[in-house]
Amino acid sequence: MDSSSQSNYFLLNLPIAELPLSENFKLRSKLMGFFTLQDIIGVKQKELSTLEDYSEHWYFEFVDFLHRKELLDLLG
């Protein structure tokens, strides 16, 4: 892990509402009870996909954001 990904860890505990993500992502996250990215990371993808307000588009936006911030390894 390099220093740039370590420096992005603070993003995981910021309110999703304050992150540069789509309004749709923010709304779906709230409806599913997620308020930080750390909340989402703690749930397995298989379990996420069973939630009522889950969509693949939402999940891909989440994965893309982690990828851009060099945090994708957290999904392990």
PDB file of N, CA and C in Angstrom:
ATOM      1  N   MET A   1       0.851  -1.181   0.000  1.00  0.00           N
ATOM      2  CA  MET A   1       0.000   0.000   0.000  1.00  0.00           C
ATOM      3  C   MET A   1       0.892   1.238   0.000  1.00  0.00           C
ATOM      4  N   ASP A   2       0.571   2.187  -0.844  1.00  0.00           N
ATOM      5  CA  ASP A   2       1.405   3.386  -0.885  1.00  0.00           C
ATOM      6  C   ASP A   2       0.790   4.502  -0.049  1.00  0.00           C
ATOM      7  N   SER A   3       1.542   5.575   0.087  1.00  0.00           N
ATOM      8  CA  SER A   3       1.110   6.644   0.987  1.00  0.00           C
ATOM      9  C   SER A   3      -0.141   7.363   0.490  1.00  0.00           C
ATOM     10  N   SER A   4      -0.371   7.392  -0.838  1.00  0.00           N
ATOM     11  CA  SER A   4      -1.556   8.097  -1.327  1.00  0.00           C
ATOM     12  C   SER A   4      -2.830   7.364  -0.923  1.00  0.00           C
ATOM     13  N   SER A   5      -2.812   6.026  -0.936  1.00  0.00           N
ATOM     14  CA  SER A   5      -4.018   5.323  -0.503  1.00  0.00           C
ATOM     15  C   SER A   5      -4.205   5.465   1.001  1.00  0.00           C
ATOM     16  N   GLN A   6      -3.110   5.464   1.760  1.00  0.00           N
ATOM     17  CA  GLN A   6      -3.236   5.680   3.202  1.00  0.00           C
ATOM     18  C   GLN A   6      -3.832   7.051   3.489  1.00  0.00           C
ATOM     19  N   SER A   7      -3.449   8.037   2.717  1.00  0.00           N
ATOM     20  CA  SER A   7      -3.950   9.386   2.954  1.00  0.00           C
ATOM     21  C   SER A   7      -5.433   9.508   2.609  1.00  0.00           C
ATOM     22  N   ASN A   8      -5.970   8.546   1.865  1.00  0.00           N
ATOM     23  CA  ASN A   8      -7.388   8.582   1.508  1.00  0.00           C
ATOM     24  C   ASN A   8      -8.282   7.840   2.503  1.00  0.00           C
ATOM     25  N   TYR A   9      -7.682   7.184   3.494  1.00  0.00           N
ATOM     26  CA  TYR A   9      -8.492   6.448   4.462  1.00  0.00           C
ATOM     27  C   TYR A   9      -9.512   7.336   5.176  1.00  0.00           C
ATOM     28  N   PHE A  10      -9.182   8.604   5.346  1.00  0.00           N
ATOM     29  CA  PHE A  10     -10.118   9.515   6.029  1.00  0.00           C
ATOM     30  C   PHE A  10     -11.451   9.590   5.306  1.00  0.00           C
ATOM     31  N   LEU A  11     -11.458   9.336   3.990  1.00  0.00           N
ATOM     32  CA  LEU A  11     -12.695   9.395   3.204  1.00  0.00           C
ATOM     33  C   LEU A  11     -13.707   8.354   3.675  1.00  0.00           C
ATOM     34  N   LEU A  12     -13.219   7.256   4.213  1.00  0.00           N
ATOM     35  CA  LEU A  12     -14.098   6.147   4.596  1.00  0.00           C
ATOM     36  C   LEU A  12     -15.064   6.504   5.710  1.00  0.00           C
ATOM     37  N   ASN A  13     -14.697   7.450   6.543  1.00  0.00           N
ATOM     38  CA  ASN A  13     -15.544   7.805   7.681  1.00  0.00           C
ATOM     39  C   ASN A  13     -16.227   9.161   7.548  1.00  0.00           C
ATOM     40  N   LEU A  14     -16.053   9.789   6.390  1.00  0.00           N
ATOM     41  CA  LEU A  14     -16.786  11.036   6.134  1.00  0.00           C
ATOM     42  C   LEU A  14     -18.225  10.681   5.760  1.00  0.00           C
ATOM     43  N   PRO A  15     -19.164  11.571   6.055  1.00  0.00           N
ATOM     44  CA  PRO A  15     -20.541  11.316   5.612  1.00  0.00           C
ATOM     45  C   PRO A  15     -20.592  11.202   4.087  1.00  0.00           C
ATOM     46  N   ILE A  16     -21.290  10.190   3.590  1.00  0.00           N
ATOM     47  CA  ILE A  16     -21.440  10.016   2.144  1.00  0.00           C
ATOM     48  C   ILE A  16     -21.992  11.290   1.513  1.00  0.00           C
ATOM     49  N   ALA A  17     -22.860  11.983   2.223  1.00  0.00           N
ATOM     50  CA  ALA A  17     -23.465  13.216   1.699  1.00  0.00           C
ATOM     51  C   ALA A  17     -22.423  14.278   1.351  1.00  0.00           C
ATOM     52  N   GLU A  18     -21.231  14.204   1.961  1.00  0.00           N
ATOM     53  CA  GLU A  18     -20.187  15.203   1.712  1.00  0.00           C
ATOM     54  C   GLU A  18     -19.192  14.776   0.636  1.00  0.00           C
ATOM     55  N   LEU A  19     -19.332  13.555   0.140  1.00  0.00           N
ATOM     56  CA  LEU A  19     -18.374  13.039  -0.844  1.00  0.00           C
ATOM     57  C   LEU A  19     -18.804  13.381  -2.268  1.00  0.00           C
ATOM     58  N   PRO A  20     -17.837  13.436  -3.198  1.00  0.00           N
ATOM     59  CA  PRO A  20     -18.167  13.761  -4.595  1.00  0.00           C
ATOM     60  C   PRO A  20     -18.749  12.555  -5.327  1.00  0.00           C
ATOM     61  N   LEU A  21     -19.949  12.174  -4.922  1.00  0.00           N
ATOM     62  CA  LEU A  21     -20.672  11.063  -5.529  1.00  0.00           C
ATOM     63  C   LEU A  21     -22.022  11.575  -6.014  1.00  0.00           C
ATOM     64  N   SER A  22     -22.668  10.810  -6.889  1.00  0.00           N
ATOM     65  CA  SER A  22     -23.935  11.269  -7.470  1.00  0.00           C
ATOM     66  C   SER A  22     -25.029  11.376  -6.406  1.00  0.00           C
ATOM     67  N   GLU A  23     -26.004  12.217  -6.689  1.00  0.00           N
ATOM     68  CA  GLU A  23     -27.150  12.349  -5.777  1.00  0.00           C
ATOM     69  C   GLU A  23     -27.890  11.023  -5.663  1.00  0.00           C
ATOM     70  N   ASN A  24     -27.950  10.274  -6.753  1.00  0.00           N
ATOM     71  CA  ASN A  24     -28.594   8.966  -6.734  1.00  0.00           C
ATOM     72  C   ASN A  24     -27.866   8.024  -5.772  1.00  0.00           C
ATOM     73  N   PHE A  25     -26.532   8.041  -5.820  1.00  0.00           N
ATOM     74  CA  PHE A  25     -25.742   7.197  -4.918  1.00  0.00           C
ATOM     75  C   PHE A  25     -26.018   7.586  -3.474  1.00  0.00           C
ATOM     76  N   LYS A  26     -26.027   8.873  -3.212  1.00  0.00           N
ATOM     77  CA  LYS A  26     -26.257   9.359  -1.845  1.00  0.00           C
ATOM     78  C   LYS A  26     -27.634   8.947  -1.341  1.00  0.00           C
ATOM     79  N   LEU A  27     -28.655   9.077  -2.197  1.00  0.00           N
ATOM     80  CA  LEU A  27     -30.020   8.730  -1.795  1.00  0.00           C
ATOM     81  C   LEU A  27     -30.145   7.235  -1.540  1.00  0.00           C
ATOM     82  N   ARG A  28     -29.653   6.419  -2.464  1.00  0.00           N
ATOM     83  CA  ARG A  28     -29.741   4.967  -2.281  1.00  0.00           C
ATOM     84  C   ARG A  28     -28.997   4.525  -1.027  1.00  0.00           C
ATOM     85  N   SER A  29     -27.833   5.125  -0.794  1.00  0.00           N
ATOM     86  CA  SER A  29     -27.050   4.774   0.399  1.00  0.00           C
ATOM     87  C   SER A  29     -27.862   5.051   1.658  1.00  0.00           C
ATOM     88  N   LYS A  30     -28.475   6.231   1.689  1.00  0.00           N
ATOM     89  CA  LYS A  30     -29.282   6.614   2.855  1.00  0.00           C
ATOM     90  C   LYS A  30     -30.462   5.659   3.044  1.00  0.00           C
ATOM     91  N   LEU A  31     -31.121   5.312   1.941  1.00  0.00           N
ATOM     92  CA  LEU A  31     -32.268   4.403   2.015  1.00  0.00           C
ATOM     93  C   LEU A  31     -31.861   3.018   2.530  1.00  0.00           C
ATOM     94  N   MET A  32     -30.631   2.612   2.238  1.00  0.00           N
ATOM     95  CA  MET A  32     -30.142   1.303   2.697  1.00  0.00           C
ATOM     96  C   MET A  32     -29.503   1.387   4.083  1.00  0.00           C
ATOM     97  N   GLY A  33     -29.434   2.603   4.650  1.00  0.00           N
ATOM     98  CA  GLY A  33     -28.902   2.763   5.998  1.00  0.00           C
ATOM     99  C   GLY A  33     -27.395   2.933   6.064  1.00  0.00           C
ATOM    100  N   PHE A  34     -26.780   3.336   4.955  1.00  0.00           N
ATOM    101  CA  PHE A  34     -25.339   3.566   4.929  1.00  0.00           C
ATOM    102  C   PHE A  34     -25.066   5.061   4.992  1.00  0.00           C
ATOM    103  N   PHE A  35     -24.221   5.457   5.938  1.00  0.00           N
ATOM    104  CA  PHE A  35     -23.916   6.877   6.083  1.00  0.00           C
ATOM    105  C   PHE A  35     -22.447   7.195   5.840  1.00  0.00           C
ATOM    106  N   THR A  36     -21.603   6.139   5.814  1.00  0.00           N
ATOM    107  CA  THR A  36     -20.192   6.311   5.453  1.00  0.00           C
ATOM    108  C   THR A  36     -19.808   5.164   4.521  1.00  0.00           C
ATOM    109  N   LEU A  37     -18.711   5.335   3.799  1.00  0.00           N
ATOM    110  CA  LEU A  37     -18.233   4.247   2.945  1.00  0.00           C
ATOM    111  C   LEU A  37     -17.814   3.048   3.786  1.00  0.00           C
ATOM    112  N   GLN A  38     -17.338   3.316   5.002  1.00  0.00           N
ATOM    113  CA  GLN A  38     -16.948   2.233   5.903  1.00  0.00           C
ATOM    114  C   GLN A  38     -18.151   1.332   6.198  1.00  0.00           C
ATOM    115  N   ASP A  39     -19.341   1.921   6.309  1.00  0.00           N
ATOM    116  CA  ASP A  39     -20.557   1.137   6.527  1.00  0.00           C
ATOM    117  C   ASP A  39     -20.761   0.129   5.392  1.00  0.00           C
ATOM    118  N   ILE A  40     -20.516   0.575   4.163  1.00  0.00           N
ATOM    119  CA  ILE A  40     -20.732  -0.282   2.988  1.00  0.00           C
ATOM    120  C   ILE A  40     -19.656  -1.364   2.914  1.00  0.00           C
ATOM    121  N   ILE A  41     -18.408  -0.981   3.167  1.00  0.00           N
ATOM    122  CA  ILE A  41     -17.297  -1.926   3.085  1.00  0.00           C
ATOM    123  C   ILE A  41     -17.507  -3.096   4.049  1.00  0.00           C
ATOM    124  N   GLY A  42     -18.187  -2.835   5.150  1.00  0.00           N
ATOM    125  CA  GLY A  42     -18.410  -3.877   6.146  1.00  0.00           C
ATOM    126  C   GLY A  42     -19.423  -4.936   5.757  1.00  0.00           C
ATOM    127  N   VAL A  43     -20.068  -4.771   4.606  1.00  0.00           N
ATOM    128  CA  VAL A  43     -21.104  -5.711   4.170  1.00  0.00           C
ATOM    129  C   VAL A  43     -20.622  -6.426   2.907  1.00  0.00           C
ATOM    130  N   LYS A  44     -20.783  -7.745   2.867  1.00  0.00           N
ATOM    131  CA  LYS A  44     -20.383  -8.503   1.684  1.00  0.00           C
ATOM    132  C   LYS A  44     -21.264  -8.126   0.490  1.00  0.00           C
ATOM    133  N   GLN A  45     -20.671  -8.134  -0.710  1.00  0.00           N
ATOM    134  CA  GLN A  45     -21.409  -7.744  -1.916  1.00  0.00           C
ATOM    135  C   GLN A  45     -22.656  -8.596  -2.103  1.00  0.00           C
ATOM    136  N   LYS A  46     -22.563  -9.884  -1.794  1.00  0.00           N
ATOM    137  CA  LYS A  46     -23.722 -10.771  -1.945  1.00  0.00           C
ATOM    138  C   LYS A  46     -24.873 -10.311  -1.053  1.00  0.00           C
ATOM    139  N   GLU A  47     -24.542  -9.851   0.147  1.00  0.00           N
ATOM    140  CA  GLU A  47     -25.575  -9.347   1.058  1.00  0.00           C
ATOM    141  C   GLU A  47     -26.110  -7.999   0.582  1.00  0.00           C
ATOM    142  N   LEU A  48     -25.209  -7.148   0.090  1.00  0.00           N
ATOM    143  CA  LEU A  48     -25.642  -5.845  -0.430  1.00  0.00           C
ATOM    144  C   LEU A  48     -26.695  -6.027  -1.512  1.00  0.00           C
ATOM    145  N   SER A  49     -26.445  -6.981  -2.402  1.00  0.00           N
ATOM    146  CA  SER A  49     -27.324  -7.154  -3.564  1.00  0.00           C
ATOM    147  C   SER A  49     -28.732  -7.600  -3.184  1.00  0.00           C
ATOM    148  N   THR A  50     -28.937  -8.018  -1.927  1.00  0.00           N
ATOM    149  CA  THR A  50     -30.281  -8.426  -1.505  1.00  0.00           C
ATOM    150  C   THR A  50     -31.073  -7.266  -0.902  1.00  0.00           C
ATOM    151  N   LEU A  51     -30.428  -6.134  -0.694  1.00  0.00           N
ATOM    152  CA  LEU A  51     -31.119  -4.990  -0.092  1.00  0.00           C
ATOM    153  C   LEU A  51     -32.097  -4.368  -1.077  1.00  0.00           C
ATOM    154  N   GLU A  52     -33.198  -3.866  -0.549  1.00  0.00           N
ATOM    155  CA  GLU A  52     -34.288  -3.365  -1.389  1.00  0.00           C
ATOM    156  C   GLU A  52     -33.856  -2.259  -2.350  1.00  0.00           C
ATOM    157  N   ASP A  53     -33.028  -1.334  -1.908  1.00  0.00           N
ATOM    158  CA  ASP A  53     -32.677  -0.188  -2.752  1.00  0.00           C
ATOM    159  C   ASP A  53     -31.340  -0.350  -3.477  1.00  0.00           C
ATOM    160  N   TYR A  54     -30.791  -1.571  -3.462  1.00  0.00           N
ATOM    161  CA  TYR A  54     -29.532  -1.865  -4.150  1.00  0.00           C
ATOM    162  C   TYR A  54     -29.722  -1.797  -5.667  1.00  0.00           C
ATOM    163  N   SER A  55     -28.702  -1.318  -6.359  1.00  0.00           N
ATOM    164  CA  SER A  55     -28.667  -1.441  -7.823  1.00  0.00           C
ATOM    165  C   SER A  55     -27.217  -1.663  -8.235  1.00  0.00           C
ATOM    166  N   GLU A  56     -27.034  -2.329  -9.362  1.00  0.00           N
ATOM    167  CA  GLU A  56     -25.672  -2.551  -9.841  1.00  0.00           C
ATOM    168  C   GLU A  56     -25.002  -1.225 -10.152  1.00  0.00           C
ATOM    169  N   HIS A  57     -25.739  -0.277 -10.678  1.00  0.00           N
ATOM    170  CA  HIS A  57     -25.177   1.046 -10.980  1.00  0.00           C
ATOM    171  C   HIS A  57     -24.623   1.685  -9.706  1.00  0.00           C
ATOM    172  N   TRP A  58     -25.381   1.574  -8.616  1.00  0.00           N
ATOM    173  CA  TRP A  58     -24.945   2.105  -7.320  1.00  0.00           C
ATOM    174  C   TRP A  58     -23.638   1.440  -6.901  1.00  0.00           C
ATOM    175  N   TYR A  59     -23.596   0.093  -7.009  1.00  0.00           N
ATOM    176  CA  TYR A  59     -22.404  -0.638  -6.582  1.00  0.00           C
ATOM    177  C   TYR A  59     -21.207  -0.292  -7.454  1.00  0.00           C
ATOM    178  N   PHE A  60     -21.408  -0.168  -8.758  1.00  0.00           N
ATOM    179  CA  PHE A  60     -20.300   0.175  -9.652  1.00  0.00           C
ATOM    180  C   PHE A  60     -19.771   1.571  -9.359  1.00  0.00           C
ATOM    181  N   GLU A  61     -20.648   2.487  -9.001  1.00  0.00           N
ATOM    182  CA  GLU A  61     -20.183   3.824  -8.629  1.00  0.00           C
ATOM    183  C   GLU A  61     -19.328   3.756  -7.360  1.00  0.00           C
ATOM    184  N   PHE A  62     -19.751   2.939  -6.417  1.00  0.00           N
ATOM    185  CA  PHE A  62     -18.995   2.730  -5.179  1.00  0.00           C
ATOM    186  C   PHE A  62     -17.612   2.155  -5.485  1.00  0.00           C
ATOM    187  N   VAL A  63     -17.554   1.097  -6.289  1.00  0.00           N
ATOM    188  CA  VAL A  63     -16.290   0.460  -6.643  1.00  0.00           C
ATOM    189  C   VAL A  63     -15.394   1.425  -7.417  1.00  0.00           C
ATOM    190  N   ASP A  64     -15.983   2.171  -8.341  1.00  0.00           N
ATOM    191  CA  ASP A  64     -15.206   3.129  -9.125  1.00  0.00           C
ATOM    192  C   ASP A  64     -14.597   4.209  -8.231  1.00  0.00           C
ATOM    193  N   PHE A  65     -15.359   4.688  -7.274  1.00  0.00           N
ATOM    194  CA  PHE A  65     -14.845   5.698  -6.345  1.00  0.00           C
ATOM    195  C   PHE A  65     -13.667   5.136  -5.549  1.00  0.00           C
ATOM    196  N   LEU A  66     -13.825   3.921  -5.016  1.00  0.00           N
ATOM    197  CA  LEU A  66     -12.723   3.301  -4.271  1.00  0.00           C
ATOM    198  C   LEU A  66     -11.499   3.131  -5.168  1.00  0.00           C
ATOM    199  N   HIS A  67     -11.732   2.730  -6.407  1.00  0.00           N
ATOM    200  CA  HIS A  67     -10.627   2.545  -7.343  1.00  0.00           C
ATOM    201  C   HIS A  67      -9.886   3.862  -7.578  1.00  0.00           C
ATOM    202  N   ARG A  68     -10.637   4.930  -7.828  1.00  0.00           N
ATOM    203  CA  ARG A  68     -10.025   6.235  -8.094  1.00  0.00           C
ATOM    204  C   ARG A  68      -9.248   6.754  -6.887  1.00  0.00           C
ATOM    205  N   LYS A  69      -9.671   6.372  -5.695  1.00  0.00           N
ATOM    206  CA  LYS A  69      -9.004   6.826  -4.472  1.00  0.00           C
ATOM    207  C   LYS A  69      -7.969   5.814  -3.971  1.00  0.00           C
ATOM    208  N   GLU A  70      -7.695   4.781  -4.798  1.00  0.00           N
ATOM    209  CA  GLU A  70      -6.716   3.735  -4.467  1.00  0.00           C
ATOM    210  C   GLU A  70      -7.057   3.016  -3.162  1.00  0.00           C
ATOM    211  N   LEU A  71      -8.342   2.732  -2.992  1.00  0.00           N
ATOM    212  CA  LEU A  71      -8.828   2.035  -1.792  1.00  0.00           C
ATOM    213  C   LEU A  71      -9.520   0.715  -2.131  1.00  0.00           C
ATOM    214  N   LEU A  72      -9.409   0.298  -3.381  1.00  0.00           N
ATOM    215  CA  LEU A  72     -10.142  -0.885  -3.831  1.00  0.00           C
ATOM    216  C   LEU A  72      -9.738  -2.153  -3.088  1.00  0.00           C
ATOM    217  N   ASP A  73      -8.499  -2.217  -2.623  1.00  0.00           N
ATOM    218  CA  ASP A  73      -8.032  -3.403  -1.898  1.00  0.00           C
ATOM    219  C   ASP A  73      -8.810  -3.657  -0.607  1.00  0.00           C
ATOM    220  N   LEU A  74      -9.552  -2.669  -0.139  1.00  0.00           N
ATOM    221  CA  LEU A  74     -10.343  -2.833   1.081  1.00  0.00           C
ATOM    222  C   LEU A  74     -11.539  -3.755   0.884  1.00  0.00           C
ATOM    223  N   LEU A  75     -11.926  -3.985  -0.370  1.00  0.00           N
ATOM    224  CA  LEU A  75     -13.075  -4.850  -0.623  1.00  0.00           C
ATOM    225  C   LEU A  75     -12.724  -6.321  -0.510  1.00  0.00           C
ATOM    226  N   GLY A  76     -11.428  -6.657  -0.532  1.00  0.00           N
ATOM    227  CA  GLY A  76     -10.935  -8.031  -0.410  1.00  0.00           C
ATOM    228  C   GLY A  76     -11.960  -8.964   0.084  1.00  0.00           C
TER     229      GLY A  76
END
